[in-house]
Amino acid sequence: MPDGPPVGGEGGLPIGGEGGLLELRGWVLAGHWLGYGVTATADGPRRVVILARRAFTRPPGVGWVALLREATGWTEPDRCGVDWAAAEAALGTALPGDYKDIVDAFGAGSFDEYLDLLVPGGPGTDLVSWGQNMARYADLHRPYPVHPAPGGVLMWGTSEQELTFHWLTGPADPDHWPVLVQYLDGEWQRFDCGTGEFVLRLLTDRTPPFAFPPSAGPFPHWFASWELPEGQ
C-alpha cells in the first residue's frame, strides 16, 4: 500500500482521494486532532496521517446550558430560585440572560471546584452583596472602574486559584457584555463572548486564549452544588 504525505490541518491536502475515505481513526492531542486513515486513489489505497487544529463549535440550536449539563453530567431539575427582578433592581442593571439561565439550572455552586458562581442569595457568594461592595475595593480593579460607574466591571465568579471573573458592563445589551478575567498579579484578560460560552470553554477548550486548568484534566467535569437558603 503506497504511503502519502500528511494531510488535513490548516492548509493541508483535502482528505478522501478519488474514491473517498476508506478508514479513519482519530485521537485528541492537546489542541489538535491526530488521525490515521486510508483513502482510495486511482493507484489503490493510500495511507494518510491527519493533524488538524481543534476548533470550538456549538451544535446548531443547542443552548449553552444544555451543553454545560452534558459536559458536567448535571441531571438535576432547574432551581429557578432567584428573584431576578429584585436582584437586578438592587444592582441597578439588567444581567446577561445566559448567566441567569445557568443559575436557574444549576443554582449556587462551583464548576470543577475551580469557578465558583456568585449567585443572588448564595451563601457567602451573593452576587448582589459583592456587586454593591465593589466600590470599596476600587483600587484592586484598576485600570477599570467598578460598577455602577459607566463601563465598570461587575464580578460574577471567583476561583480558589485566585482568579476573579467579571463582566465589562456598559450601555449595550447585557447579553453582549464581554467577560474579563483578573489574575492574582492584577493582569486582565478579555474574552469577547458571553457567560455561557465562557464557562463551557473554560471547562473544555484546550486552545488559547482559553486553556484554563480544568480543560487539561483527564477527569470528567462536574458541578458541586451549594444549596440556596430556604425561601430563596
Protein backbone atom coordinates (compact mmCIF):
# COMPACT_ATOMS: atom_id res chain seq x y z
CA MET A 1 0.00 0.00 0.00
CA PRO A 2 1.62 3.29 -1.03
CA ASP A 3 2.14 5.94 1.62
CA GLY A 4 1.02 9.52 1.20
CA PRO A 5 2.03 12.81 2.76
CA PRO A 6 0.33 14.12 5.90
CA VAL A 7 -2.95 15.80 5.09
CA GLY A 8 -5.57 17.96 6.78
CA GLY A 9 -4.96 20.73 9.25
CA GLU A 10 -4.62 24.33 8.23
CA GLY A 11 -3.71 24.47 4.55
CA GLY A 12 -3.36 20.68 4.28
CA LEU A 13 -4.44 18.50 1.41
CA PRO A 14 -8.11 17.52 1.17
CA ILE A 15 -8.97 14.14 2.67
CA GLY A 16 -10.69 11.44 0.64
CA GLY A 17 -8.89 10.77 -2.64
CA GLU A 18 -10.72 9.98 -5.82
CA GLY A 19 -12.69 7.12 -4.32
CA GLY A 20 -13.35 8.53 -0.88
CA LEU A 21 -12.27 7.76 2.65
CA LEU A 22 -11.98 4.05 3.43
CA GLU A 23 -10.92 4.23 7.06
CA LEU A 24 -10.35 6.92 9.67
CA ARG A 25 -9.37 6.74 13.31
CA GLY A 26 -8.76 9.82 15.42
CA TRP A 27 -7.45 10.91 18.80
CA VAL A 28 -7.37 14.17 20.75
CA LEU A 29 -3.87 15.52 21.28
CA ALA A 30 -3.94 18.75 23.33
CA GLY A 31 -5.20 21.42 20.93
CA HIS A 32 -5.15 19.13 17.89
CA TRP A 33 -6.85 16.15 16.33
CA LEU A 34 -4.46 13.36 15.33
CA GLY A 35 -5.84 10.89 12.84
CA TYR A 36 -4.83 7.89 10.78
CA GLY A 37 -6.77 6.95 7.67
CA VAL A 38 -6.84 5.15 4.38
CA THR A 39 -8.15 6.76 1.22
CA ALA A 40 -8.93 5.31 -2.18
CA THR A 41 -6.94 6.65 -5.14
CA ALA A 42 -6.53 5.67 -8.79
CA ASP A 43 -3.33 3.86 -7.78
CA GLY A 44 -5.01 1.97 -4.95
CA PRO A 45 -5.42 2.60 -1.20
CA ARG A 46 -3.19 5.24 0.31
CA ARG A 47 -2.33 5.70 3.98
CA VAL A 48 -2.62 9.22 5.37
CA VAL A 49 -1.87 10.91 8.67
CA ILE A 50 -4.08 13.82 9.67
CA LEU A 51 -3.11 16.60 12.06
CA ALA A 52 -5.66 19.37 12.49
CA ARG A 53 -6.29 22.10 15.00
CA ARG A 54 -9.29 21.55 17.21
CA ALA A 55 -11.90 24.24 16.64
CA PHE A 56 -14.58 25.05 19.20
CA THR A 57 -18.05 24.86 17.70
CA ARG A 58 -21.53 24.87 19.15
CA PRO A 59 -24.07 22.49 17.58
CA PRO A 60 -26.81 24.47 15.84
CA GLY A 61 -29.85 25.07 18.01
CA VAL A 62 -28.25 23.80 21.24
CA GLY A 63 -28.08 26.27 24.14
CA TRP A 64 -25.14 26.82 26.46
CA VAL A 65 -26.97 25.45 29.49
CA ALA A 66 -27.75 22.20 27.67
CA LEU A 67 -24.08 21.88 26.74
CA LEU A 68 -22.99 22.61 30.31
CA ARG A 69 -25.41 19.98 31.60
CA GLU A 70 -23.93 17.47 29.20
CA ALA A 71 -20.34 18.44 29.99
CA THR A 72 -20.87 18.12 33.76
CA GLY A 73 -23.37 15.26 33.81
CA TRP A 74 -25.80 17.53 35.69
CA THR A 75 -29.28 15.98 35.68
CA GLU A 76 -30.97 17.88 38.50
CA PRO A 77 -34.12 19.88 37.64
CA ASP A 78 -33.85 23.64 37.24
CA ARG A 79 -33.53 25.53 40.52
CA CYS A 80 -35.39 28.71 39.45
CA GLY A 81 -34.93 30.07 42.96
CA VAL A 82 -33.78 33.64 42.28
CA ASP A 83 -35.98 36.72 42.19
CA TRP A 84 -34.22 38.25 39.22
CA ALA A 85 -36.32 41.41 39.18
CA ALA A 86 -35.31 42.16 42.78
CA ALA A 87 -31.65 41.30 42.19
CA GLU A 88 -31.41 43.49 39.10
CA ALA A 89 -33.19 46.35 40.88
CA ALA A 90 -30.72 46.12 43.77
CA LEU A 91 -27.74 46.17 41.39
CA GLY A 92 -29.24 48.87 39.19
CA THR A 93 -28.73 46.91 35.98
CA ALA A 94 -30.12 44.04 33.98
CA LEU A 95 -27.93 40.92 33.90
CA PRO A 96 -26.91 38.68 31.00
CA GLY A 97 -29.58 36.17 30.08
CA ASP A 98 -27.18 33.23 29.74
CA TYR A 99 -25.85 33.85 33.25
CA LYS A 100 -29.40 33.82 34.62
CA ASP A 101 -30.11 30.62 32.70
CA ILE A 102 -27.03 28.97 34.25
CA VAL A 103 -28.06 29.99 37.75
CA ASP A 104 -31.65 28.86 37.19
CA ALA A 105 -30.38 25.47 36.00
CA PHE A 106 -27.54 24.85 38.47
CA GLY A 107 -28.11 27.12 41.45
CA ALA A 108 -25.23 28.21 43.66
CA GLY A 109 -22.08 26.17 43.40
CA SER A 110 -18.80 25.52 41.65
CA PHE A 111 -17.76 24.12 38.28
CA ASP A 112 -14.92 21.62 38.75
CA GLU A 113 -14.27 23.30 42.11
CA TYR A 114 -12.46 25.90 40.03
CA LEU A 115 -15.05 28.51 39.06
CA ASP A 116 -17.37 29.49 41.92
CA LEU A 117 -20.51 31.28 40.79
CA LEU A 118 -21.70 34.41 42.54
CA VAL A 119 -25.47 33.97 42.82
CA PRO A 120 -28.08 36.33 44.30
CA GLY A 121 -28.79 34.92 47.74
CA GLY A 122 -25.91 32.44 47.57
CA PRO A 123 -24.30 31.56 50.93
CA GLY A 124 -21.15 33.71 51.04
CA THR A 125 -21.34 34.20 47.30
CA ASP A 126 -24.19 36.69 46.99
CA LEU A 127 -23.80 38.47 43.65
CA VAL A 128 -25.76 41.47 44.89
CA SER A 129 -23.70 41.97 48.06
CA TRP A 130 -20.43 41.56 46.18
CA GLY A 131 -21.57 43.96 43.50
CA GLN A 132 -22.68 46.58 46.00
CA ASN A 133 -19.36 46.38 47.85
CA MET A 134 -17.04 46.55 44.86
CA ALA A 135 -16.64 50.32 45.13
CA ARG A 136 -14.90 49.81 48.48
CA TYR A 137 -12.13 47.93 46.67
CA ALA A 138 -11.96 50.01 43.51
CA ASP A 139 -8.15 50.19 43.63
CA LEU A 140 -7.94 46.42 43.15
CA HIS A 141 -9.70 46.64 39.80
CA ARG A 142 -7.64 49.31 38.05
CA PRO A 143 -7.46 50.38 35.29
CA TYR A 144 -11.19 49.63 35.09
CA PRO A 145 -13.80 51.49 37.08
CA VAL A 146 -16.22 49.39 39.07
CA HIS A 147 -19.97 49.06 38.70
CA PRO A 148 -22.12 51.19 38.86
CA ALA A 149 -19.68 53.62 37.22
CA PRO A 150 -20.14 53.77 33.43
CA GLY A 151 -18.23 50.91 31.83
CA GLY A 152 -17.48 49.46 35.25
CA VAL A 153 -16.60 45.85 35.97
CA LEU A 154 -19.05 43.66 37.87
CA MET A 155 -17.81 40.41 39.40
CA TRP A 156 -19.81 37.21 38.78
CA GLY A 157 -17.35 34.46 39.75
CA THR A 158 -14.28 33.67 41.81
CA SER A 159 -11.75 30.85 41.96
CA GLU A 160 -9.65 29.18 44.61
CA GLN A 161 -6.84 29.72 42.12
CA GLU A 162 -7.25 33.42 43.00
CA LEU A 163 -8.77 34.42 39.70
CA THR A 164 -11.85 36.59 39.52
CA PHE A 165 -14.39 36.68 36.71
CA HIS A 166 -16.17 39.87 35.70
CA TRP A 167 -18.43 41.43 33.13
CA LEU A 168 -17.38 44.65 31.46
CA THR A 169 -20.67 46.46 31.79
CA GLY A 170 -21.81 49.22 29.51
CA PRO A 171 -24.74 50.79 27.74
CA ALA A 172 -25.03 47.79 25.42
CA ASP A 173 -27.41 44.89 25.94
CA PRO A 174 -26.03 42.82 28.88
CA ASP A 175 -26.09 39.79 26.61
CA HIS A 176 -23.25 41.47 24.70
CA TRP A 177 -21.07 42.23 27.72
CA PRO A 178 -17.60 40.67 27.33
CA VAL A 179 -16.02 38.63 30.12
CA LEU A 180 -12.90 39.85 31.89
CA VAL A 181 -10.60 37.65 33.97
CA GLN A 182 -8.33 39.23 36.56
CA TYR A 183 -5.28 37.29 37.70
CA LEU A 184 -3.50 37.43 41.04
CA ASP A 185 -0.84 39.79 39.71
CA GLY A 186 -3.54 42.26 38.65
CA GLU A 187 -3.33 41.47 34.94
CA TRP A 188 -6.60 41.44 32.99
CA GLN A 189 -7.61 39.27 30.06
CA ARG A 190 -10.64 39.97 27.89
CA PHE A 191 -12.86 37.33 26.27
CA ASP A 192 -15.33 38.56 23.68
CA CYS A 193 -18.03 36.02 24.42
CA GLY A 194 -20.98 35.61 26.76
CA THR A 195 -21.01 33.94 30.16
CA GLY A 196 -22.40 30.61 28.95
CA GLU A 197 -19.82 30.21 26.21
CA PHE A 198 -17.05 31.30 28.54
CA VAL A 199 -17.91 28.76 31.27
CA LEU A 200 -18.20 25.89 28.80
CA ARG A 201 -14.92 26.76 27.09
CA LEU A 202 -13.16 27.23 30.43
CA LEU A 203 -14.06 23.60 31.16
CA THR A 204 -13.49 22.02 27.75
CA ASP A 205 -11.44 24.19 25.38
CA ARG A 206 -7.70 23.50 25.46
CA THR A 207 -6.81 26.12 22.88
CA PRO A 208 -5.61 29.67 23.70
CA PRO A 209 -6.79 32.10 24.85
CA PHE A 210 -8.78 29.65 26.98
CA ALA A 211 -6.75 26.57 28.06
CA PHE A 212 -7.67 27.02 31.73
CA PRO A 213 -6.60 24.16 34.04
CA PRO A 214 -9.97 22.30 34.04
CA SER A 215 -9.71 21.70 30.28
CA ALA A 216 -6.41 19.83 30.64
CA GLY A 217 -7.51 17.29 33.24
CA PRO A 218 -8.27 13.65 32.41
CA PHE A 219 -11.29 13.55 34.73
CA PRO A 220 -14.96 14.21 33.92
CA HIS A 221 -16.26 17.70 34.65
CA TRP A 222 -18.74 18.24 37.44
CA PHE A 223 -20.81 20.83 39.28
CA ALA A 224 -20.70 20.96 43.09
CA SER A 225 -23.98 22.43 44.34
CA TRP A 226 -24.30 24.74 47.31
CA GLU A 227 -28.00 24.87 48.08
CA LEU A 228 -29.58 28.29 48.29
CA PRO A 229 -31.02 29.26 51.69
CA GLU A 230 -34.62 28.23 52.21
CA GLY A 231 -37.04 30.64 50.59
CA GLN A 232 -34.54 31.94 48.02
